[in-house]
Amino acid sequence: TSRDRGWRINGSIHVDVMTDQRVPRG
């Protein structure tokens, strides 16, 4: 998406996915 839209990213992309009971479902 960054290449598609020409977004500057400043470094490699890293994504952490976490579960959190405080986040509402959906």
PDB file of all heavy atoms in Angstrom:
ATOM      1  N   THR A   1       0.826  -1.210   0.000  1.00  0.00           N
ATOM      2  CA  THR A   1       0.000   0.000   0.000  1.00  0.00           C
ATOM      3  C   THR A   1       0.859   1.257   0.000  1.00  0.00           C
ATOM      4  O   THR A   1       0.534   2.252  -0.656  1.00  0.00           O
ATOM      5  CB  THR A   1      -0.941   0.003   1.215  1.00  0.00           C
ATOM      6  OG1 THR A   1      -1.693  -1.205   1.226  1.00  0.00           O
ATOM      7  CG2 THR A   1      -1.902   1.184   1.157  1.00  0.00           C
ATOM      8  N   SER A   2       1.978   1.219   0.711  1.00  0.00           N
ATOM      9  CA  SER A   2       2.876   2.376   0.759  1.00  0.00           C
ATOM     10  C   SER A   2       3.447   2.674  -0.619  1.00  0.00           C
ATOM     11  O   SER A   2       3.535   3.836  -1.030  1.00  0.00           O
ATOM     12  CB  SER A   2       4.014   2.119   1.753  1.00  0.00           C
ATOM     13  OG  SER A   2       3.514   1.936   3.053  1.00  0.00           O
ATOM     14  N   ARG A   3       3.852   1.631  -1.343  1.00  0.00           N
ATOM     15  CA  ARG A   3       4.336   1.835  -2.721  1.00  0.00           C
ATOM     16  C   ARG A   3       3.219   2.368  -3.596  1.00  0.00           C
ATOM     17  O   ARG A   3       3.433   3.252  -4.436  1.00  0.00           O
ATOM     18  CB  ARG A   3       4.872   0.519  -3.297  1.00  0.00           C
ATOM     19  CG  ARG A   3       6.151   0.038  -2.655  1.00  0.00           C
ATOM     20  CD  ARG A   3       6.822  -1.018  -3.515  1.00  0.00           C
ATOM     21  NE  ARG A   3       5.946  -2.150  -3.786  1.00  0.00           N
ATOM     22  CZ  ARG A   3       5.901  -3.238  -3.038  1.00  0.00           C
ATOM     23  NH1 ARG A   3       6.664  -3.334  -1.962  1.00  0.00           N
ATOM     24  NH2 ARG A   3       5.103  -4.237  -3.362  1.00  0.00           N
ATOM     25  N   ASP A   4       2.027   1.822  -3.422  1.00  0.00           N
ATOM     26  CA  ASP A   4       0.890   2.218  -4.247  1.00  0.00           C
ATOM     27  C   ASP A   4       0.558   3.694  -4.068  1.00  0.00           C
ATOM     28  O   ASP A   4       0.290   4.406  -5.034  1.00  0.00           O
ATOM     29  CB  ASP A   4      -0.312   1.339  -3.886  1.00  0.00           C
ATOM     30  CG  ASP A   4      -1.498   1.579  -4.784  1.00  0.00           C
ATOM     31  OD1 ASP A   4      -1.387   1.314  -6.004  1.00  0.00           O
ATOM     32  OD2 ASP A   4      -2.552   2.028  -4.283  1.00  0.00           O
ATOM     33  N   ARG A   5       0.610   4.157  -2.836  1.00  0.00           N
ATOM     34  CA  ARG A   5       0.177   5.519  -2.529  1.00  0.00           C
ATOM     35  C   ARG A   5       1.330   6.516  -2.422  1.00  0.00           C
ATOM     36  O   ARG A   5       1.093   7.710  -2.247  1.00  0.00           O
ATOM     37  CB  ARG A   5      -0.623   5.516  -1.228  1.00  0.00           C
ATOM     38  CG  ARG A   5      -1.855   4.624  -1.293  1.00  0.00           C
ATOM     39  CD  ARG A   5      -2.793   4.907  -0.172  1.00  0.00           C
ATOM     40  NE  ARG A   5      -3.931   3.999  -0.188  1.00  0.00           N
ATOM     41  CZ  ARG A   5      -4.945   4.061   0.662  1.00  0.00           C
ATOM     42  NH1 ARG A   5      -4.968   5.007   1.588  1.00  0.00           N
ATOM     43  NH2 ARG A   5      -5.939   3.207   0.584  1.00  0.00           N
ATOM     44  N   GLY A   6       2.557   6.015  -2.490  1.00  0.00           N
ATOM     45  CA  GLY A   6       3.692   6.915  -2.368  1.00  0.00           C
ATOM     46  C   GLY A   6       3.906   7.417  -0.958  1.00  0.00           C
ATOM     47  O   GLY A   6       4.391   8.533  -0.752  1.00  0.00           O
ATOM     48  N   TRP A   7       3.567   6.592   0.040  1.00  0.00           N
ATOM     49  CA  TRP A   7       3.805   6.967   1.432  1.00  0.00           C
ATOM     50  C   TRP A   7       5.279   6.784   1.777  1.00  0.00           C
ATOM     51  O   TRP A   7       5.879   5.758   1.461  1.00  0.00           O
ATOM     52  CB  TRP A   7       3.000   6.085   2.375  1.00  0.00           C
ATOM     53  CG  TRP A   7       1.551   6.432   2.499  1.00  0.00           C
ATOM     54  CD1 TRP A   7       0.964   7.609   2.232  1.00  0.00           C
ATOM     55  CD2 TRP A   7       0.504   5.547   2.946  1.00  0.00           C
ATOM     56  NE1 TRP A   7      -0.388   7.543   2.477  1.00  0.00           N
ATOM     57  CE2 TRP A   7      -0.692   6.294   2.909  1.00  0.00           C
ATOM     58  CE3 TRP A   7       0.479   4.218   3.367  1.00  0.00           C
ATOM     59  CZ2 TRP A   7      -1.915   5.741   3.287  1.00  0.00           C
ATOM     60  CZ3 TRP A   7      -0.740   3.672   3.736  1.00  0.00           C
ATOM     61  CH2 TRP A   7      -1.922   4.432   3.702  1.00  0.00           C
ATOM     62  N   ARG A   8       5.864   7.726   2.437  1.00  0.00           N
ATOM     63  CA  ARG A   8       7.211   7.570   2.987  1.00  0.00           C
ATOM     64  C   ARG A   8       7.101   6.703   4.237  1.00  0.00           C
ATOM     65  O   ARG A   8       6.175   6.884   5.045  1.00  0.00           O
ATOM     66  CB  ARG A   8       7.824   8.931   3.306  1.00  0.00           C
ATOM     67  CG  ARG A   8       9.249   8.862   3.858  1.00  0.00           C
ATOM     68  CD  ARG A   8       9.773  10.269   4.108  1.00  0.00           C
ATOM     69  NE  ARG A   8      11.019  10.241   4.866  1.00  0.00           N
ATOM     70  CZ  ARG A   8      12.228  10.193   4.316  1.00  0.00           C
ATOM     71  NH1 ARG A   8      12.356  10.163   3.002  1.00  0.00           N
ATOM     72  NH2 ARG A   8      13.312  10.174   5.073  1.00  0.00           N
ATOM     73  N   ILE A   9       8.066   5.773   4.431  1.00  0.00           N
ATOM     74  CA  ILE A   9       7.981   4.860   5.569  1.00  0.00           C
ATOM     75  C   ILE A   9       9.197   4.933   6.499  1.00  0.00           C
ATOM     76  O   ILE A   9       9.129   4.430   7.623  1.00  0.00           O
ATOM     77  CB  ILE A   9       7.750   3.410   5.109  1.00  0.00           C
ATOM     78  CG1 ILE A   9       8.837   2.958   4.135  1.00  0.00           C
ATOM     79  CG2 ILE A   9       6.371   3.272   4.475  1.00  0.00           C
ATOM     80  CD1 ILE A   9       8.731   1.509   3.712  1.00  0.00           C
ATOM     81  N   ASN A  10      10.322   5.512   6.039  1.00  0.00           N
ATOM     82  CA  ASN A  10      11.495   5.780   6.883  1.00  0.00           C
ATOM     83  C   ASN A  10      12.264   4.537   7.339  1.00  0.00           C
ATOM     84  O   ASN A  10      13.329   4.666   7.929  1.00  0.00           O
ATOM     85  CB  ASN A  10      11.106   6.595   8.122  1.00  0.00           C
ATOM     86  CG  ASN A  10      10.682   7.998   7.763  1.00  0.00           C
ATOM     87  OD1 ASN A  10      11.466   8.790   7.277  1.00  0.00           O
ATOM     88  ND2 ASN A  10       9.407   8.306   7.977  1.00  0.00           N
ATOM     89  N   GLY A  11      11.772   3.357   7.100  1.00  0.00           N
ATOM     90  CA  GLY A  11      12.442   2.126   7.516  1.00  0.00           C
ATOM     91  C   GLY A  11      11.549   0.942   7.229  1.00  0.00           C
ATOM     92  O   GLY A  11      10.409   1.096   6.767  1.00  0.00           O
ATOM     93  N   SER A  12      12.030  -0.252   7.510  1.00  0.00           N
ATOM     94  CA  SER A  12      11.256  -1.449   7.220  1.00  0.00           C
ATOM     95  C   SER A  12       9.983  -1.490   8.068  1.00  0.00           C
ATOM     96  O   SER A  12       9.943  -0.993   9.197  1.00  0.00           O
ATOM     97  CB  SER A  12      12.090  -2.703   7.453  1.00  0.00           C
ATOM     98  OG  SER A  12      12.538  -2.754   8.794  1.00  0.00           O
ATOM     99  N   ILE A  13       8.937  -2.106   7.516  1.00  0.00           N
ATOM    100  CA  ILE A  13       7.650  -2.216   8.196  1.00  0.00           C
ATOM    101  C   ILE A  13       7.654  -3.425   9.124  1.00  0.00           C
ATOM    102  O   ILE A  13       8.077  -4.522   8.755  1.00  0.00           O
ATOM    103  CB  ILE A  13       6.506  -2.371   7.174  1.00  0.00           C
ATOM    104  CG1 ILE A  13       6.455  -1.160   6.217  1.00  0.00           C
ATOM    105  CG2 ILE A  13       5.166  -2.554   7.881  1.00  0.00           C
ATOM    106  CD1 ILE A  13       6.011   0.114   6.848  1.00  0.00           C
ATOM    107  N   HIS A  14       7.159  -3.224  10.350  1.00  0.00           N
ATOM    108  CA  HIS A  14       6.980  -4.332  11.287  1.00  0.00           C
ATOM    109  C   HIS A  14       5.604  -4.195  11.927  1.00  0.00           C
ATOM    110  O   HIS A  14       5.224  -3.102  12.361  1.00  0.00           O
ATOM    111  CB  HIS A  14       8.056  -4.327  12.360  1.00  0.00           C
ATOM    112  CG  HIS A  14       7.950  -5.473  13.319  1.00  0.00           C
ATOM    113  ND1 HIS A  14       8.405  -6.738  13.014  1.00  0.00           N
ATOM    114  CD2 HIS A  14       7.404  -5.548  14.562  1.00  0.00           C
ATOM    115  CE1 HIS A  14       8.177  -7.541  14.019  1.00  0.00           C
ATOM    116  NE2 HIS A  14       7.560  -6.853  14.980  1.00  0.00           N
ATOM    117  N   VAL A  15       4.856  -5.286  11.967  1.00  0.00           N
ATOM    118  CA  VAL A  15       3.505  -5.284  12.543  1.00  0.00           C
ATOM    119  C   VAL A  15       3.422  -6.341  13.634  1.00  0.00           C
ATOM    120  O   VAL A  15       3.693  -7.525  13.387  1.00  0.00           O
ATOM    121  CB  VAL A  15       2.425  -5.554  11.477  1.00  0.00           C
ATOM    122  CG1 VAL A  15       1.036  -5.548  12.115  1.00  0.00           C
ATOM    123  CG2 VAL A  15       2.495  -4.519  10.359  1.00  0.00           C
ATOM    124  N   ASP A  16       3.063  -5.926  14.843  1.00  0.00           N
ATOM    125  CA  ASP A  16       2.764  -6.841  15.950  1.00  0.00           C
ATOM    126  C   ASP A  16       1.250  -6.950  16.094  1.00  0.00           C
ATOM    127  O   ASP A  16       0.559  -5.924  16.159  1.00  0.00           O
ATOM    128  CB  ASP A  16       3.348  -6.326  17.266  1.00  0.00           C
ATOM    129  CG  ASP A  16       4.833  -6.575  17.381  1.00  0.00           C
ATOM    130  OD1 ASP A  16       5.288  -7.665  16.987  1.00  0.00           O
ATOM    131  OD2 ASP A  16       5.545  -5.679  17.862  1.00  0.00           O
ATOM    132  N   VAL A  17       0.742  -8.174  16.149  1.00  0.00           N
ATOM    133  CA  VAL A  17      -0.687  -8.400  16.359  1.00  0.00           C
ATOM    134  C   VAL A  17      -0.884  -8.932  17.772  1.00  0.00           C
ATOM    135  O   VAL A  17      -0.247  -9.921  18.161  1.00  0.00           O
ATOM    136  CB  VAL A  17      -1.259  -9.396  15.332  1.00  0.00           C
ATOM    137  CG1 VAL A  17      -2.769  -9.567  15.551  1.00  0.00           C
ATOM    138  CG2 VAL A  17      -0.981  -8.925  13.914  1.00  0.00           C
ATOM    139  N   MET A  18      -1.743  -8.272  18.544  1.00  0.00           N
ATOM    140  CA  MET A  18      -1.977  -8.656  19.935  1.00  0.00           C
ATOM    141  C   MET A  18      -3.471  -8.765  20.203  1.00  0.00           C
ATOM    142  O   MET A  18      -4.280  -8.053  19.599  1.00  0.00           O
ATOM    143  CB  MET A  18      -1.388  -7.611  20.888  1.00  0.00           C
ATOM    144  CG  MET A  18       0.090  -7.380  20.743  1.00  0.00           C
ATOM    145  SD  MET A  18       0.670  -6.121  21.908  1.00  0.00           S
ATOM    146  CE  MET A  18       2.422  -6.092  21.528  1.00  0.00           C
ATOM    147  N   THR A  19      -3.826  -9.670  21.111  1.00  0.00           N
ATOM    148  CA  THR A  19      -5.204  -9.723  21.597  1.00  0.00           C
ATOM    149  C   THR A  19      -5.295  -8.929  22.895  1.00  0.00           C
ATOM    150  O   THR A  19      -4.353  -8.901  23.697  1.00  0.00           O
ATOM    151  CB  THR A  19      -5.648 -11.175  21.841  1.00  0.00           C
ATOM    152  OG1 THR A  19      -4.757 -11.798  22.774  1.00  0.00           O
ATOM    153  CG2 THR A  19      -5.639 -11.965  20.535  1.00  0.00           C
ATOM    154  N   ASP A  20      -6.424  -8.277  23.062  1.00  0.00           N
ATOM    155  CA  ASP A  20      -6.624  -7.419  24.229  1.00  0.00           C
ATOM    156  C   ASP A  20      -8.100  -7.474  24.603  1.00  0.00           C
ATOM    157  O   ASP A  20      -8.969  -7.082  23.812  1.00  0.00           O
ATOM    158  CB  ASP A  20      -6.201  -5.985  23.891  1.00  0.00           C
ATOM    159  CG  ASP A  20      -6.159  -5.066  25.105  1.00  0.00           C
ATOM    160  OD1 ASP A  20      -6.899  -5.330  26.072  1.00  0.00           O
ATOM    161  OD2 ASP A  20      -5.399  -4.081  25.079  1.00  0.00           O
ATOM    162  N   GLN A  21      -8.374  -7.961  25.802  1.00  0.00           N
ATOM    163  CA  GLN A  21      -9.760  -8.085  26.262  1.00  0.00           C
ATOM    164  C   GLN A  21     -10.467  -6.742  26.331  1.00  0.00           C
ATOM    165  O   GLN A  21     -11.697  -6.679  26.274  1.00  0.00           O
ATOM    166  CB  GLN A  21      -9.793  -8.750  27.652  1.00  0.00           C
ATOM    167  CG  GLN A  21      -9.343 -10.201  27.676  1.00  0.00           C
ATOM    168  CD  GLN A  21     -10.415 -11.145  27.168  1.00  0.00           C
ATOM    169  OE1 GLN A  21     -11.489 -10.724  26.750  1.00  0.00           O
ATOM    170  NE2 GLN A  21     -10.119 -12.447  27.202  1.00  0.00           N
ATOM    171  N   ARG A  22      -9.696  -5.650  26.412  1.00  0.00           N
ATOM    172  CA  ARG A  22     -10.317  -4.323  26.527  1.00  0.00           C
ATOM    173  C   ARG A  22     -10.827  -3.801  25.193  1.00  0.00           C
ATOM    174  O   ARG A  22     -11.601  -2.838  25.158  1.00  0.00           O
ATOM    175  CB  ARG A  22      -9.312  -3.336  27.110  1.00  0.00           C
ATOM    176  CG  ARG A  22      -8.880  -3.657  28.548  1.00  0.00           C
ATOM    177  CD  ARG A  22      -7.694  -2.821  28.956  1.00  0.00           C
ATOM    178  NE  ARG A  22      -6.515  -3.129  28.138  1.00  0.00           N
ATOM    179  CZ  ARG A  22      -5.342  -2.523  28.270  1.00  0.00           C
ATOM    180  NH1 ARG A  22      -5.192  -1.576  29.189  1.00  0.00           N
ATOM    181  NH2 ARG A  22      -4.328  -2.854  27.498  1.00  0.00           N
ATOM    182  N   VAL A  23     -10.398  -4.419  24.090  1.00  0.00           N
ATOM    183  CA  VAL A  23     -10.854  -3.977  22.769  1.00  0.00           C
ATOM    184  C   VAL A  23     -12.217  -4.602  22.489  1.00  0.00           C
ATOM    185  O   VAL A  23     -12.361  -5.829  22.569  1.00  0.00           O
ATOM    186  CB  VAL A  23      -9.851  -4.382  21.676  1.00  0.00           C
ATOM    187  CG1 VAL A  23     -10.356  -3.956  20.298  1.00  0.00           C
ATOM    188  CG2 VAL A  23      -8.481  -3.776  21.962  1.00  0.00           C
ATOM    189  N   PRO A  24     -13.224  -3.793  22.181  1.00  0.00           N
ATOM    190  CA  PRO A  24     -14.550  -4.354  21.904  1.00  0.00           C
ATOM    191  C   PRO A  24     -14.521  -5.311  20.713  1.00  0.00           C
ATOM    192  O   PRO A  24     -13.736  -5.145  19.781  1.00  0.00           O
ATOM    193  CB  PRO A  24     -15.402  -3.117  21.592  1.00  0.00           C
ATOM    194  CG  PRO A  24     -14.670  -1.974  22.201  1.00  0.00           C
ATOM    195  CD  PRO A  24     -13.221  -2.328  22.103  1.00  0.00           C
ATOM    196  N   ARG A  25     -15.371  -6.290  20.749  1.00  0.00           N
ATOM    197  CA  ARG A  25     -15.469  -7.234  19.645  1.00  0.00           C
ATOM    198  C   ARG A  25     -15.893  -6.493  18.376  1.00  0.00           C
ATOM    199  O   ARG A  25     -16.743  -5.617  18.393  1.00  0.00           O
ATOM    200  CB  ARG A  25     -16.491  -8.328  19.968  1.00  0.00           C
ATOM    201  CG  ARG A  25     -16.459  -9.483  18.994  1.00  0.00           C
ATOM    202  CD  ARG A  25     -17.276 -10.645  19.482  1.00  0.00           C
ATOM    203  NE  ARG A  25     -17.145 -11.770  18.570  1.00  0.00           N
ATOM    204  CZ  ARG A  25     -17.738 -12.936  18.742  1.00  0.00           C
ATOM    205  NH1 ARG A  25     -18.520 -13.129  19.819  1.00  0.00           N
ATOM    206  NH2 ARG A  25     -17.578 -13.908  17.876  1.00  0.00           N
ATOM    207  N   GLY A  26     -15.240  -6.843  17.258  1.00  0.00           N
ATOM    208  CA  GLY A  26     -15.546  -6.202  15.983  1.00  0.00           C
ATOM    209  C   GLY A  26     -14.762  -4.932  15.735  1.00  0.00           C
ATOM    210  O   GLY A  26     -14.930  -4.294  14.697  1.00  0.00           O
TER     211      GLY A  26
END
